[in-house]
Structure formats: structure tokens, C-alpha cells
Amino acid sequence: MGFLLGAFGKLAAGRRVRQLQAQMMRVQSRLRRATRDVSEMEKQLQRQEKAQLNAVTAQGMMAKQCALGQVLGGDQSAFQALQQTIASGGTLSAEDTQKYNNWSSMYTQGSTTIGAYNEQWISQMKQQISDNFEVLRETQLEPLKDEEEMLQTEKDSLESQIQIAQQDYEACKKMEQADAKNLAPNYTGQG
């Protein structure tokens, strides 16, 4: 009787091992895909965030340059002419020196104000971009990570089930082999 129980148990345990192994292969495939998707999504979000941060910085610098060009308004070209005169070693009249000093002071004040405003704007925009990408990570990346974690848990569970099924198979195999000895015919005639 133990022989039959062992044989049928071995068949059932073997079938269970094969089923679990097939299921494990499917889970491993899905897990690899999920891991790859998480990695690709993380890289894509990082690239997009970096590109947007760089674009904001570039926009801020261009806006600053444009604003600096407008500090003196229509006097900009006259100011530049006076700068060239000084650079070439020329001398300025008292009136031109007064204008130059006034424009220089206006330019310095304007430059400081524009620079501070520009830095504040860039900082706010970068924070907004970072916040937006954090929301994207939570809404798009977290579900992928959750799926990856769920598949890893399922894989771990299957590994333990396979191990148990293999132990059952071995136990049934030993039971079958042990009782097979009792089924051997006794040819000695001594009963």
C-alpha cells in the first residue's frame, strides 16, 4: 500500500513542482519587465527634470541679459559710447563724466535688482519643476515599484512552495522505494 501511495504521491508532487516552476518562470519574466520599466521610467524622469531645470536656467539668463540691456533705456548707446571713449584712453568732459557716473550708478543698481529678481524667479521655477516631478514620480513610478515589489513577493513565495513540493516529491520517492522492497517476490519458497 505504501508503494502505491508513494508512487501516486511522487506523481502528484512532481506535477506540482512543474506547475510551480512554470508559474515561477512567468513571474520572473514579469518581474524582469517590471524592474526594467521602473529603471527606464526613473531615467526618463531624471532626464526630463534635468532638461527642464537647464531650460529654466537658460531662460533666466536670457531674460537677465535682455533686462540689463533695457536698464538705461534710450541712453544705452550713449553710455556705451562713453565707455568706449574711456576704454580707448580718451577724456570726458565734466558733463559727460557726470552722465557717465549717473548711468553707471543706474546700471549697477538696475543690475543688482535684476540679478536678485532673476535669481528668485529661477529658484521658484526650479522648485516648481522639482515639485511637479515629485508628483509624477508618485503617480507614475510608485505603481511600477509597487508591482515590482508584489512580483518579488510572489517570486519568494513560489520559491518556498517549490522547495516544499520538491521535499514532498523526495519523501514520496523514498516511500515508494522503501515499500518496493516488500513487493519483491520471495523465490526461496519459505513463505
Protein backbone atom coordinates (compact mmCIF):
# COMPACT_ATOMS: atom_id res chain seq x y z
CA MET A 1 0.00 0.00 0.00
CA GLY A 2 2.86 2.38 0.80
CA PHE A 3 4.27 1.67 -2.64
CA LEU A 4 1.11 2.95 -4.34
CA LEU A 5 0.84 5.93 -2.04
CA GLY A 6 4.47 6.77 -2.70
CA ALA A 7 4.09 6.35 -6.47
CA PHE A 8 0.95 8.46 -6.71
CA GLY A 9 2.34 11.00 -4.26
CA LYS A 10 5.50 11.21 -6.31
CA LEU A 11 3.47 11.82 -9.48
CA ALA A 12 1.35 14.49 -7.81
CA ALA A 13 4.34 16.19 -6.20
CA GLY A 14 6.26 16.10 -9.49
CA ARG A 15 3.32 17.66 -11.31
CA ARG A 16 3.05 20.31 -8.57
CA VAL A 17 6.77 21.10 -8.87
CA ARG A 18 6.46 21.50 -12.64
CA GLN A 19 3.39 23.73 -12.28
CA LEU A 20 5.13 25.90 -9.73
CA GLN A 21 8.26 26.10 -11.88
CA ALA A 22 6.19 27.19 -14.88
CA GLN A 23 4.44 29.77 -12.74
CA MET A 24 7.83 30.90 -11.42
CA MET A 25 9.10 31.43 -14.96
CA ARG A 26 6.10 33.64 -15.75
CA VAL A 27 6.56 35.63 -12.55
CA GLN A 28 10.30 36.03 -13.16
CA SER A 29 9.60 37.28 -16.67
CA ARG A 30 7.06 39.81 -15.38
CA LEU A 31 9.46 40.81 -12.59
CA ARG A 32 12.29 41.45 -15.06
CA ARG A 33 9.94 43.53 -17.20
CA ALA A 34 8.70 45.49 -14.18
CA THR A 35 12.26 46.11 -12.98
CA ARG A 36 13.26 47.30 -16.45
CA ASP A 37 10.18 49.55 -16.64
CA VAL A 38 10.98 51.09 -13.24
CA SER A 39 14.56 51.74 -14.28
CA GLU A 40 13.57 53.26 -17.61
CA MET A 41 10.90 55.43 -16.01
CA GLU A 42 13.36 56.70 -13.38
CA LYS A 43 15.91 57.56 -16.06
CA GLN A 44 13.32 59.24 -18.24
CA LEU A 45 12.00 61.36 -15.38
CA GLN A 46 15.53 62.34 -14.37
CA ARG A 47 16.39 63.36 -17.94
CA GLN A 48 13.19 65.37 -18.31
CA GLU A 49 13.66 67.09 -14.97
CA LYS A 50 17.27 67.96 -15.75
CA ALA A 51 16.30 69.30 -19.19
CA GLN A 52 13.57 71.48 -17.71
CA LEU A 53 15.86 72.78 -14.97
CA ASN A 54 18.51 73.64 -17.56
CA ALA A 55 15.90 75.35 -19.74
CA VAL A 56 14.74 77.49 -16.81
CA THR A 57 18.32 78.49 -16.06
CA ALA A 58 18.90 79.42 -19.70
CA GLN A 59 15.64 81.38 -19.86
CA GLY A 60 16.57 83.20 -16.69
CA MET A 61 19.97 84.17 -18.04
CA MET A 62 18.49 85.38 -21.33
CA ALA A 63 15.83 87.37 -19.50
CA LYS A 64 18.50 88.90 -17.29
CA GLN A 65 20.58 89.94 -20.30
CA CYS A 66 17.55 91.45 -22.01
CA ALA A 67 16.58 93.32 -18.86
CA LEU A 68 20.12 94.61 -18.37
CA GLY A 69 20.04 95.93 -21.92
CA GLN A 70 16.95 97.94 -21.03
CA VAL A 71 18.21 99.44 -17.75
CA LEU A 72 19.34 102.67 -19.36
CA GLY A 73 16.62 102.70 -21.99
CA GLY A 74 17.45 105.10 -24.82
CA ASP A 75 20.65 106.22 -23.09
CA GLN A 76 22.22 102.79 -23.56
CA SER A 77 24.01 103.66 -26.79
CA ALA A 78 25.31 106.96 -25.36
CA PHE A 79 26.56 105.11 -22.27
CA GLN A 80 28.35 102.56 -24.44
CA ALA A 81 29.94 105.37 -26.47
CA LEU A 82 31.28 106.94 -23.28
CA GLN A 83 32.59 103.53 -22.17
CA GLN A 84 34.43 103.17 -25.48
CA THR A 85 35.92 106.64 -25.13
CA ILE A 86 37.24 105.76 -21.67
CA ALA A 87 38.49 102.37 -22.86
CA SER A 88 40.39 103.94 -25.76
CA GLY A 89 42.12 106.35 -23.38
CA GLY A 90 40.06 109.42 -24.22
CA THR A 91 38.95 112.01 -21.70
CA LEU A 92 35.43 113.02 -20.88
CA SER A 93 34.07 116.49 -20.33
CA ALA A 94 32.65 117.33 -16.92
CA GLU A 95 29.12 116.96 -18.28
CA ASP A 96 29.93 113.59 -19.89
CA THR A 97 31.65 112.44 -16.70
CA GLN A 98 28.53 113.36 -14.72
CA LYS A 99 26.31 111.48 -17.22
CA TYR A 100 28.65 108.52 -17.19
CA ASN A 101 28.67 108.36 -13.39
CA ASN A 102 24.86 108.65 -13.24
CA TRP A 103 24.36 105.98 -15.89
CA SER A 104 26.96 103.77 -14.29
CA SER A 105 25.19 104.09 -10.94
CA MET A 106 21.81 103.39 -12.56
CA TYR A 107 23.25 100.39 -14.36
CA THR A 108 24.77 98.99 -11.17
CA GLN A 109 21.54 99.43 -9.20
CA GLY A 110 19.48 98.01 -12.04
CA SER A 111 21.86 95.11 -12.44
CA THR A 112 21.67 94.29 -8.74
CA THR A 113 17.87 94.48 -8.70
CA ILE A 114 17.51 92.47 -11.88
CA GLY A 115 20.01 89.89 -10.65
CA ALA A 116 18.18 89.42 -7.36
CA TYR A 117 14.79 89.18 -9.05
CA ASN A 118 16.19 86.80 -11.63
CA GLU A 119 17.72 84.52 -9.00
CA GLN A 120 14.44 84.48 -7.10
CA TRP A 121 12.48 83.65 -10.25
CA ILE A 122 14.89 80.87 -11.24
CA SER A 123 14.74 79.44 -7.73
CA GLN A 124 10.93 79.46 -7.69
CA MET A 125 10.72 77.86 -11.12
CA LYS A 126 13.22 75.16 -10.19
CA GLN A 127 11.26 74.39 -7.03
CA GLN A 128 8.05 74.20 -9.03
CA ILE A 129 9.67 71.83 -11.53
CA SER A 130 11.02 69.66 -8.72
CA ASP A 131 7.58 69.55 -7.10
CA ASN A 132 5.94 68.63 -10.40
CA PHE A 133 8.39 65.81 -10.97
CA GLU A 134 7.89 64.56 -7.44
CA VAL A 135 4.17 64.30 -8.18
CA LEU A 136 4.98 62.50 -11.44
CA ARG A 137 7.19 60.06 -9.56
CA GLU A 138 4.42 59.37 -7.08
CA THR A 139 1.75 58.91 -9.73
CA GLN A 140 3.71 57.08 -12.41
CA LEU A 141 6.72 55.49 -10.77
CA GLU A 142 5.25 54.30 -7.49
CA PRO A 143 2.68 51.98 -9.13
CA LEU A 144 5.52 50.37 -11.09
CA LYS A 145 7.58 49.97 -7.94
CA ASP A 146 4.56 48.51 -6.14
CA GLU A 147 4.09 45.99 -8.95
CA GLU A 148 7.78 45.12 -8.82
CA GLU A 149 7.58 44.60 -5.07
CA MET A 150 4.43 42.47 -5.40
CA LEU A 151 6.10 40.30 -8.05
CA GLN A 152 9.20 39.90 -5.89
CA THR A 153 6.99 38.76 -3.01
CA GLU A 154 5.19 36.33 -5.30
CA LYS A 155 8.54 35.01 -6.55
CA ASP A 156 9.75 34.48 -2.99
CA SER A 157 6.53 32.65 -2.15
CA LEU A 158 6.85 30.43 -5.21
CA GLU A 159 10.44 29.60 -4.34
CA SER A 160 9.37 28.34 -0.92
CA GLN A 161 6.42 26.43 -2.42
CA ILE A 162 8.75 24.79 -4.96
CA GLN A 163 11.12 23.81 -2.18
CA ILE A 164 8.27 22.24 -0.20
CA ALA A 165 6.95 20.45 -3.29
CA GLN A 166 10.42 19.08 -4.03
CA GLN A 167 10.70 17.84 -0.45
CA ASP A 168 7.30 16.15 -0.83
CA TYR A 169 8.49 14.57 -4.07
CA GLU A 170 11.63 13.23 -2.41
CA ALA A 171 9.63 11.91 0.57
CA CYS A 172 7.17 10.12 -1.72
CA LYS A 173 10.04 8.73 -3.77
CA LYS A 174 11.65 7.31 -0.63
CA MET A 175 8.30 5.87 0.48
CA GLU A 176 7.87 4.21 -2.91
CA GLN A 177 11.39 2.79 -2.85
CA ALA A 178 11.06 1.53 0.71
CA ASP A 179 7.84 -0.35 0.01
CA ALA A 180 9.10 -1.61 -3.35
CA LYS A 181 11.43 -3.90 -1.41
CA ASN A 182 8.40 -5.53 0.23
CA LEU A 183 6.83 -6.22 -3.17
CA ALA A 184 9.78 -8.20 -4.44
CA PRO A 185 8.80 -11.87 -4.81
CA ASN A 186 10.34 -14.35 -2.45
CA TYR A 187 11.68 -17.21 -4.55
CA THR A 188 13.05 -19.24 -1.71
CA GLY A 189 9.74 -20.93 -1.16
CA GLN A 190 9.85 -20.43 2.52
CA GLY A 191 6.89 -18.29 2.68
